[in-house]
Structure formats: structure tokens, C-alpha cells
Amino acid sequence: FFLSITRFLNSLIVLENFNVLILVFCLIFSSLDSHMIFMALMIISTVEIIVGLVILTRVWECSFSLDLIDF
């Protein structure tokens, strides 16, 4: 069960790096625009990471309580 937590955390880190690359790319190429696409992507990626971290903490708490029951 511990391996699934680390895999999820690794995929969350890769996803965050991908989001940062998309945001930088969008910021560079929309320098003449009003940055509305950049702001929308910033909000979407922030919500995505918050949801991922909430899921990670729920799985971690569930794993910890299962370890206490097994002990």
C-alpha cells in the first residue's frame, strides 16, 4: 500500500512540473494579450494540485489507520 502512495506522489510532482511548463509557455506567447488564458490556466492548475494533495492526505491517513489496526 505504501508503493501506491509514492507512485501517486511522483505522478503529482510530474503533473505539477508539466503545469508549470504550460504556464510559462502561455505567459511567453501571450505577452501582447491580456493574460486571461494564463490566469485561467493558473487557477485550473492550482485547483488540480489542491485536489491531488487532498486525495494524497486522505490515502495517507487511511493507510496509517490500517497499519494501527494490523498492529
PDB file of N, CA and C in Angstrom:
ATOM      1  N   PHE A   1       0.824  -1.202   0.000  1.00  0.00           N
ATOM      2  CA  PHE A   1       0.000   0.000   0.000  1.00  0.00           C
ATOM      3  C   PHE A   1       0.860   1.254   0.000  1.00  0.00           C
ATOM      4  N   PHE A   2       2.049   1.172   0.579  1.00  0.00           N
ATOM      5  CA  PHE A   2       2.961   2.318   0.608  1.00  0.00           C
ATOM      6  C   PHE A   2       3.439   2.682  -0.800  1.00  0.00           C
ATOM      7  N   LEU A   3       3.601   1.672  -1.652  1.00  0.00           N
ATOM      8  CA  LEU A   3       4.066   1.946  -3.013  1.00  0.00           C
ATOM      9  C   LEU A   3       3.055   2.758  -3.806  1.00  0.00           C
ATOM     10  N   SER A   4       1.775   2.536  -3.558  1.00  0.00           N
ATOM     11  CA  SER A   4       0.772   3.301  -4.298  1.00  0.00           C
ATOM     12  C   SER A   4       0.802   4.776  -3.894  1.00  0.00           C
ATOM     13  N   ILE A   5       1.120   5.057  -2.636  1.00  0.00           N
ATOM     14  CA  ILE A   5       1.216   6.451  -2.189  1.00  0.00           C
ATOM     15  C   ILE A   5       2.399   7.141  -2.865  1.00  0.00           C
ATOM     16  N   THR A   6       3.538   6.461  -2.945  1.00  0.00           N
ATOM     17  CA  THR A   6       4.699   7.092  -3.571  1.00  0.00           C
ATOM     18  C   THR A   6       4.491   7.253  -5.067  1.00  0.00           C
ATOM     19  N   ARG A   7       3.821   6.291  -5.705  1.00  0.00           N
ATOM     20  CA  ARG A   7       3.539   6.441  -7.136  1.00  0.00           C
ATOM     21  C   ARG A   7       2.623   7.627  -7.378  1.00  0.00           C
ATOM     22  N   PHE A   8       1.624   7.783  -6.522  1.00  0.00           N
ATOM     23  CA  PHE A   8       0.705   8.906  -6.679  1.00  0.00           C
ATOM     24  C   PHE A   8       1.425  10.223  -6.450  1.00  0.00           C
ATOM     25  N   LEU A   9       2.305  10.269  -5.471  1.00  0.00           N
ATOM     26  CA  LEU A   9       3.068  11.491  -5.207  1.00  0.00           C
ATOM     27  C   LEU A   9       4.001  11.812  -6.370  1.00  0.00           C
ATOM     28  N   ASN A  10       4.643  10.793  -6.939  1.00  0.00           N
ATOM     29  CA  ASN A  10       5.523  11.026  -8.086  1.00  0.00           C
ATOM     30  C   ASN A  10       4.739  11.532  -9.285  1.00  0.00           C
ATOM     31  N   SER A  11       3.572  10.963  -9.530  1.00  0.00           N
ATOM     32  CA  SER A  11       2.767  11.437 -10.660  1.00  0.00           C
ATOM     33  C   SER A  11       2.256  12.849 -10.407  1.00  0.00           C
ATOM     34  N   LEU A  12       1.988  13.191  -9.147  1.00  0.00           N
ATOM     35  CA  LEU A  12       1.562  14.545  -8.808  1.00  0.00           C
ATOM     36  C   LEU A  12       2.688  15.550  -9.046  1.00  0.00           C
ATOM     37  N   ILE A  13       3.920  15.171  -8.734  1.00  0.00           N
ATOM     38  CA  ILE A  13       5.070  16.044  -8.971  1.00  0.00           C
ATOM     39  C   ILE A  13       5.304  16.234 -10.465  1.00  0.00           C
ATOM     40  N   VAL A  14       5.199  15.161 -11.241  1.00  0.00           N
ATOM     41  CA  VAL A  14       5.366  15.271 -12.694  1.00  0.00           C
ATOM     42  C   VAL A  14       4.272  16.142 -13.287  1.00  0.00           C
ATOM     43  N   LEU A  15       3.048  15.974 -12.801  1.00  0.00           N
ATOM     44  CA  LEU A  15       1.935  16.779 -13.292  1.00  0.00           C
ATOM     45  C   LEU A  15       2.135  18.258 -12.966  1.00  0.00           C
ATOM     46  N   GLU A  16       2.654  18.551 -11.801  1.00  0.00           N
ATOM     47  CA  GLU A  16       2.909  19.945 -11.428  1.00  0.00           C
ATOM     48  C   GLU A  16       4.003  20.556 -12.305  1.00  0.00           C
ATOM     49  N   ASN A  17       5.047  19.796 -12.599  1.00  0.00           N
ATOM     50  CA  ASN A  17       6.098  20.299 -13.492  1.00  0.00           C
ATOM     51  C   ASN A  17       5.554  20.556 -14.890  1.00  0.00           C
ATOM     52  N   PHE A  18       4.684  19.681 -15.364  1.00  0.00           N
ATOM     53  CA  PHE A  18       4.056  19.872 -16.670  1.00  0.00           C
ATOM     54  C   PHE A  18       3.181  21.121 -16.663  1.00  0.00           C
ATOM     55  N   ASN A  19       2.457  21.341 -15.571  1.00  0.00           N
ATOM     56  CA  ASN A  19       1.627  22.545 -15.457  1.00  0.00           C
ATOM     57  C   ASN A  19       2.473  23.815 -15.472  1.00  0.00           C
ATOM     58  N   VAL A  20       3.615  23.783 -14.816  1.00  0.00           N
ATOM     59  CA  VAL A  20       4.497  24.954 -14.804  1.00  0.00           C
ATOM     60  C   VAL A  20       5.033  25.233 -16.206  1.00  0.00           C
ATOM     61  N   LEU A  21       5.389  24.187 -16.941  1.00  0.00           N
ATOM     62  CA  LEU A  21       5.862  24.388 -18.311  1.00  0.00           C
ATOM     63  C   LEU A  21       4.776  24.987 -19.196  1.00  0.00           C
ATOM     64  N   ILE A  22       3.552  24.509 -19.048  1.00  0.00           N
ATOM     65  CA  ILE A  22       2.442  25.065 -19.828  1.00  0.00           C
ATOM     66  C   ILE A  22       2.209  26.526 -19.460  1.00  0.00           C
ATOM     67  N   LEU A  23       2.273  26.844 -18.170  1.00  0.00           N
ATOM     68  CA  LEU A  23       2.064  28.225 -17.745  1.00  0.00           C
ATOM     69  C   LEU A  23       3.156  29.160 -18.267  1.00  0.00           C
ATOM     70  N   VAL A  24       4.407  28.716 -18.230  1.00  0.00           N
ATOM     71  CA  VAL A  24       5.500  29.550 -18.740  1.00  0.00           C
ATOM     72  C   VAL A  24       5.357  29.744 -20.246  1.00  0.00           C
ATOM     73  N   PHE A  25       5.033  28.672 -20.956  1.00  0.00           N
ATOM     74  CA  PHE A  25       4.824  28.760 -22.402  1.00  0.00           C
ATOM     75  C   PHE A  25       3.690  29.726 -22.726  1.00  0.00           C
ATOM     76  N   CYS A  26       2.602  29.629 -21.975  1.00  0.00           N
ATOM     77  CA  CYS A  26       1.454  30.513 -22.196  1.00  0.00           C
ATOM     78  C   CYS A  26       1.809  31.963 -21.868  1.00  0.00           C
ATOM     79  N   LEU A  27       2.585  32.179 -20.820  1.00  0.00           N
ATOM     80  CA  LEU A  27       2.969  33.539 -20.440  1.00  0.00           C
ATOM     81  C   LEU A  27       3.893  34.173 -21.475  1.00  0.00           C
ATOM     82  N   ILE A  28       4.802  33.385 -22.022  1.00  0.00           N
ATOM     83  CA  ILE A  28       5.738  33.922 -23.015  1.00  0.00           C
ATOM     84  C   ILE A  28       5.013  34.310 -24.297  1.00  0.00           C
ATOM     85  N   PHE A  29       4.106  33.441 -24.756  1.00  0.00           N
ATOM     86  CA  PHE A  29       3.463  33.694 -26.042  1.00  0.00           C
ATOM     87  C   PHE A  29       2.224  34.570 -25.958  1.00  0.00           C
ATOM     88  N   SER A  30       1.794  34.910 -24.759  1.00  0.00           N
ATOM     89  CA  SER A  30       0.651  35.822 -24.653  1.00  0.00           C
ATOM     90  C   SER A  30       1.074  37.151 -24.034  1.00  0.00           C
ATOM     91  N   SER A  31       2.291  37.553 -24.292  1.00  0.00           N
ATOM     92  CA  SER A  31       2.785  38.798 -23.696  1.00  0.00           C
ATOM     93  C   SER A  31       2.066  40.025 -24.242  1.00  0.00           C
ATOM     94  N   LEU A  32       1.509  39.926 -25.445  1.00  0.00           N
ATOM     95  CA  LEU A  32       0.784  41.059 -26.019  1.00  0.00           C
ATOM     96  C   LEU A  32      -0.699  41.035 -25.661  1.00  0.00           C
ATOM     97  N   ASP A  33      -1.182  39.909 -25.155  1.00  0.00           N
ATOM     98  CA  ASP A  33      -2.599  39.783 -24.804  1.00  0.00           C
ATOM     99  C   ASP A  33      -2.834  40.266 -23.379  1.00  0.00           C
ATOM    100  N   SER A  34      -4.027  40.009 -22.904  1.00  0.00           N
ATOM    101  CA  SER A  34      -4.388  40.470 -21.561  1.00  0.00           C
ATOM    102  C   SER A  34      -4.119  39.411 -20.490  1.00  0.00           C
ATOM    103  N   HIS A  35      -3.444  38.335 -20.830  1.00  0.00           N
ATOM    104  CA  HIS A  35      -3.074  37.261 -19.905  1.00  0.00           C
ATOM    105  C   HIS A  35      -4.280  36.539 -19.311  1.00  0.00           C
ATOM    106  N   MET A  36      -5.419  36.545 -19.985  1.00  0.00           N
ATOM    107  CA  MET A  36      -6.596  35.839 -19.464  1.00  0.00           C
ATOM    108  C   MET A  36      -6.405  34.325 -19.517  1.00  0.00           C
ATOM    109  N   ILE A  37      -5.767  33.832 -20.571  1.00  0.00           N
ATOM    110  CA  ILE A  37      -5.513  32.390 -20.670  1.00  0.00           C
ATOM    111  C   ILE A  37      -4.551  31.964 -19.572  1.00  0.00           C
ATOM    112  N   PHE A  38      -3.545  32.792 -19.305  1.00  0.00           N
ATOM    113  CA  PHE A  38      -2.590  32.486 -18.241  1.00  0.00           C
ATOM    114  C   PHE A  38      -3.285  32.410 -16.886  1.00  0.00           C
ATOM    115  N   MET A  39      -4.153  33.357 -16.603  1.00  0.00           N
ATOM    116  CA  MET A  39      -4.863  33.356 -15.321  1.00  0.00           C
ATOM    117  C   MET A  39      -5.796  32.151 -15.204  1.00  0.00           C
ATOM    118  N   ALA A  40      -6.473  31.803 -16.290  1.00  0.00           N
ATOM    119  CA  ALA A  40      -7.367  30.644 -16.260  1.00  0.00           C
ATOM    120  C   ALA A  40      -6.581  29.357 -16.028  1.00  0.00           C
ATOM    121  N   LEU A  41      -5.459  29.207 -16.714  1.00  0.00           N
ATOM    122  CA  LEU A  41      -4.639  28.009 -16.509  1.00  0.00           C
ATOM    123  C   LEU A  41      -4.023  27.979 -15.116  1.00  0.00           C
ATOM    124  N   MET A  42      -3.689  29.129 -14.579  1.00  0.00           N
ATOM    125  CA  MET A  42      -3.153  29.196 -13.221  1.00  0.00           C
ATOM    126  C   MET A  42      -4.188  28.710 -12.209  1.00  0.00           C
ATOM    127  N   ILE A  43      -5.422  29.139 -12.371  1.00  0.00           N
ATOM    128  CA  ILE A  43      -6.487  28.719 -11.457  1.00  0.00           C
ATOM    129  C   ILE A  43      -6.762  27.229 -11.597  1.00  0.00           C
ATOM    130  N   ILE A  44      -6.820  26.743 -12.839  1.00  0.00           N
ATOM    131  CA  ILE A  44      -7.093  25.320 -13.061  1.00  0.00           C
ATOM    132  C   ILE A  44      -5.984  24.450 -12.476  1.00  0.00           C
ATOM    133  N   SER A  45      -4.734  24.822 -12.681  1.00  0.00           N
ATOM    134  CA  SER A  45      -3.635  24.015 -12.150  1.00  0.00           C
ATOM    135  C   SER A  45      -3.570  24.081 -10.630  1.00  0.00           C
ATOM    136  N   THR A  46      -3.915  25.212 -10.044  1.00  0.00           N
ATOM    137  CA  THR A  46      -3.937  25.314  -8.584  1.00  0.00           C
ATOM    138  C   THR A  46      -5.011  24.418  -7.989  1.00  0.00           C
ATOM    139  N   VAL A  47      -6.190  24.436  -8.573  1.00  0.00           N
ATOM    140  CA  VAL A  47      -7.272  23.571  -8.089  1.00  0.00           C
ATOM    141  C   VAL A  47      -6.903  22.107  -8.280  1.00  0.00           C
ATOM    142  N   GLU A  48      -6.259  21.785  -9.389  1.00  0.00           N
ATOM    143  CA  GLU A  48      -5.858  20.408  -9.663  1.00  0.00           C
ATOM    144  C   GLU A  48      -4.866  19.905  -8.617  1.00  0.00           C
ATOM    145  N   ILE A  49      -3.900  20.714  -8.260  1.00  0.00           N
ATOM    146  CA  ILE A  49      -2.906  20.309  -7.270  1.00  0.00           C
ATOM    147  C   ILE A  49      -3.523  20.224  -5.878  1.00  0.00           C
ATOM    148  N   ILE A  50      -4.425  21.127  -5.542  1.00  0.00           N
ATOM    149  CA  ILE A  50      -5.085  21.069  -4.237  1.00  0.00           C
ATOM    150  C   ILE A  50      -5.892  19.785  -4.104  1.00  0.00           C
ATOM    151  N   VAL A  51      -6.629  19.425  -5.145  1.00  0.00           N
ATOM    152  CA  VAL A  51      -7.411  18.184  -5.110  1.00  0.00           C
ATOM    153  C   VAL A  51      -6.486  16.978  -4.994  1.00  0.00           C
ATOM    154  N   GLY A  52      -5.376  16.987  -5.719  1.00  0.00           N
ATOM    155  CA  GLY A  52      -4.424  15.887  -5.629  1.00  0.00           C
ATOM    156  C   GLY A  52      -3.814  15.751  -4.246  1.00  0.00           C
ATOM    157  N   LEU A  53      -3.473  16.863  -3.618  1.00  0.00           N
ATOM    158  CA  LEU A  53      -2.905  16.807  -2.268  1.00  0.00           C
ATOM    159  C   LEU A  53      -3.934  16.367  -1.236  1.00  0.00           C
ATOM    160  N   VAL A  54      -5.189  16.760  -1.413  1.00  0.00           N
ATOM    161  CA  VAL A  54      -6.242  16.300  -0.502  1.00  0.00           C
ATOM    162  C   VAL A  54      -6.417  14.794  -0.625  1.00  0.00           C
ATOM    163  N   ILE A  55      -6.417  14.281  -1.851  1.00  0.00           N
ATOM    164  CA  ILE A  55      -6.530  12.833  -2.047  1.00  0.00           C
ATOM    165  C   ILE A  55      -5.334  12.126  -1.431  1.00  0.00           C
ATOM    166  N   LEU A  56      -4.138  12.685  -1.604  1.00  0.00           N
ATOM    167  CA  LEU A  56      -2.937  12.077  -1.040  1.00  0.00           C
ATOM    168  C   LEU A  56      -2.996  12.023   0.481  1.00  0.00           C
ATOM    169  N   THR A  57      -3.448  13.091   1.128  1.00  0.00           N
ATOM    170  CA  THR A  57      -3.530  13.067   2.588  1.00  0.00           C
ATOM    171  C   THR A  57      -4.608  12.111   3.073  1.00  0.00           C
ATOM    172  N   ARG A  58      -5.712  11.985   2.344  1.00  0.00           N
ATOM    173  CA  ARG A  58      -6.758  11.024   2.730  1.00  0.00           C
ATOM    174  C   ARG A  58      -6.246   9.595   2.634  1.00  0.00           C
ATOM    175  N   VAL A  59      -5.512   9.292   1.561  1.00  0.00           N
ATOM    176  CA  VAL A  59      -4.953   7.943   1.411  1.00  0.00           C
ATOM    177  C   VAL A  59      -3.916   7.689   2.485  1.00  0.00           C
ATOM    178  N   TRP A  60      -3.119   8.698   2.814  1.00  0.00           N
ATOM    179  CA  TRP A  60      -2.094   8.550   3.831  1.00  0.00           C
ATOM    180  C   TRP A  60      -2.729   8.300   5.198  1.00  0.00           C
ATOM    181  N   GLU A  61      -3.782   9.041   5.540  1.00  0.00           N
ATOM    182  CA  GLU A  61      -4.470   8.829   6.811  1.00  0.00           C
ATOM    183  C   GLU A  61      -5.116   7.457   6.862  1.00  0.00           C
ATOM    184  N   CYS A  62      -5.697   7.032   5.752  1.00  0.00           N
ATOM    185  CA  CYS A  62      -6.329   5.718   5.694  1.00  0.00           C
ATOM    186  C   CYS A  62      -5.281   4.624   5.856  1.00  0.00           C
ATOM    187  N   SER A  63      -4.132   4.776   5.222  1.00  0.00           N
ATOM    188  CA  SER A  63      -3.052   3.802   5.328  1.00  0.00           C
ATOM    189  C   SER A  63      -2.527   3.741   6.756  1.00  0.00           C
ATOM    190  N   PHE A  64      -2.396   4.899   7.413  1.00  0.00           N
ATOM    191  CA  PHE A  64      -1.898   4.933   8.782  1.00  0.00           C
ATOM    192  C   PHE A  64      -2.871   4.243   9.732  1.00  0.00           C
ATOM    193  N   SER A  65      -4.166   4.456   9.551  1.00  0.00           N
ATOM    194  CA  SER A  65      -5.146   3.819  10.429  1.00  0.00           C
ATOM    195  C   SER A  65      -5.206   2.320  10.179  1.00  0.00           C
ATOM    196  N   LEU A  66      -5.006   1.881   8.947  1.00  0.00           N
ATOM    197  CA  LEU A  66      -4.979   0.450   8.662  1.00  0.00           C
ATOM    198  C   LEU A  66      -3.752  -0.203   9.272  1.00  0.00           C
ATOM    199  N   ASP A  67      -2.614   0.501   9.301  1.00  0.00           N
ATOM    200  CA  ASP A  67      -1.413  -0.037   9.932  1.00  0.00           C
ATOM    201  C   ASP A  67      -1.611  -0.184  11.435  1.00  0.00           C
ATOM    202  N   LEU A  68      -2.324   0.731  12.068  1.00  0.00           N
ATOM    203  CA  LEU A  68      -2.588   0.620  13.501  1.00  0.00           C
ATOM    204  C   LEU A  68      -3.500  -0.561  13.800  1.00  0.00           C
ATOM    205  N   ILE A  69      -4.469  -0.801  12.938  1.00  0.00           N
ATOM    206  CA  ILE A  69      -5.384  -1.923  13.153  1.00  0.00           C
ATOM    207  C   ILE A  69      -4.648  -3.240  12.988  1.00  0.00           C
ATOM    208  N   ASP A  70      -3.748  -3.334  12.010  1.00  0.00           N
ATOM    209  CA  ASP A  70      -2.998  -4.567  11.784  1.00  0.00           C
ATOM    210  C   ASP A  70      -2.018  -4.839  12.914  1.00  0.00           C
ATOM    211  N   PHE A  71      -1.516  -3.809  13.563  1.00  0.00           N
ATOM    212  CA  PHE A  71      -0.534  -3.989  14.611  1.00  0.00           C
ATOM    213  C   PHE A  71      -1.227  -4.491  15.858  1.00  0.00           C
TER     214      PHE A  71
END
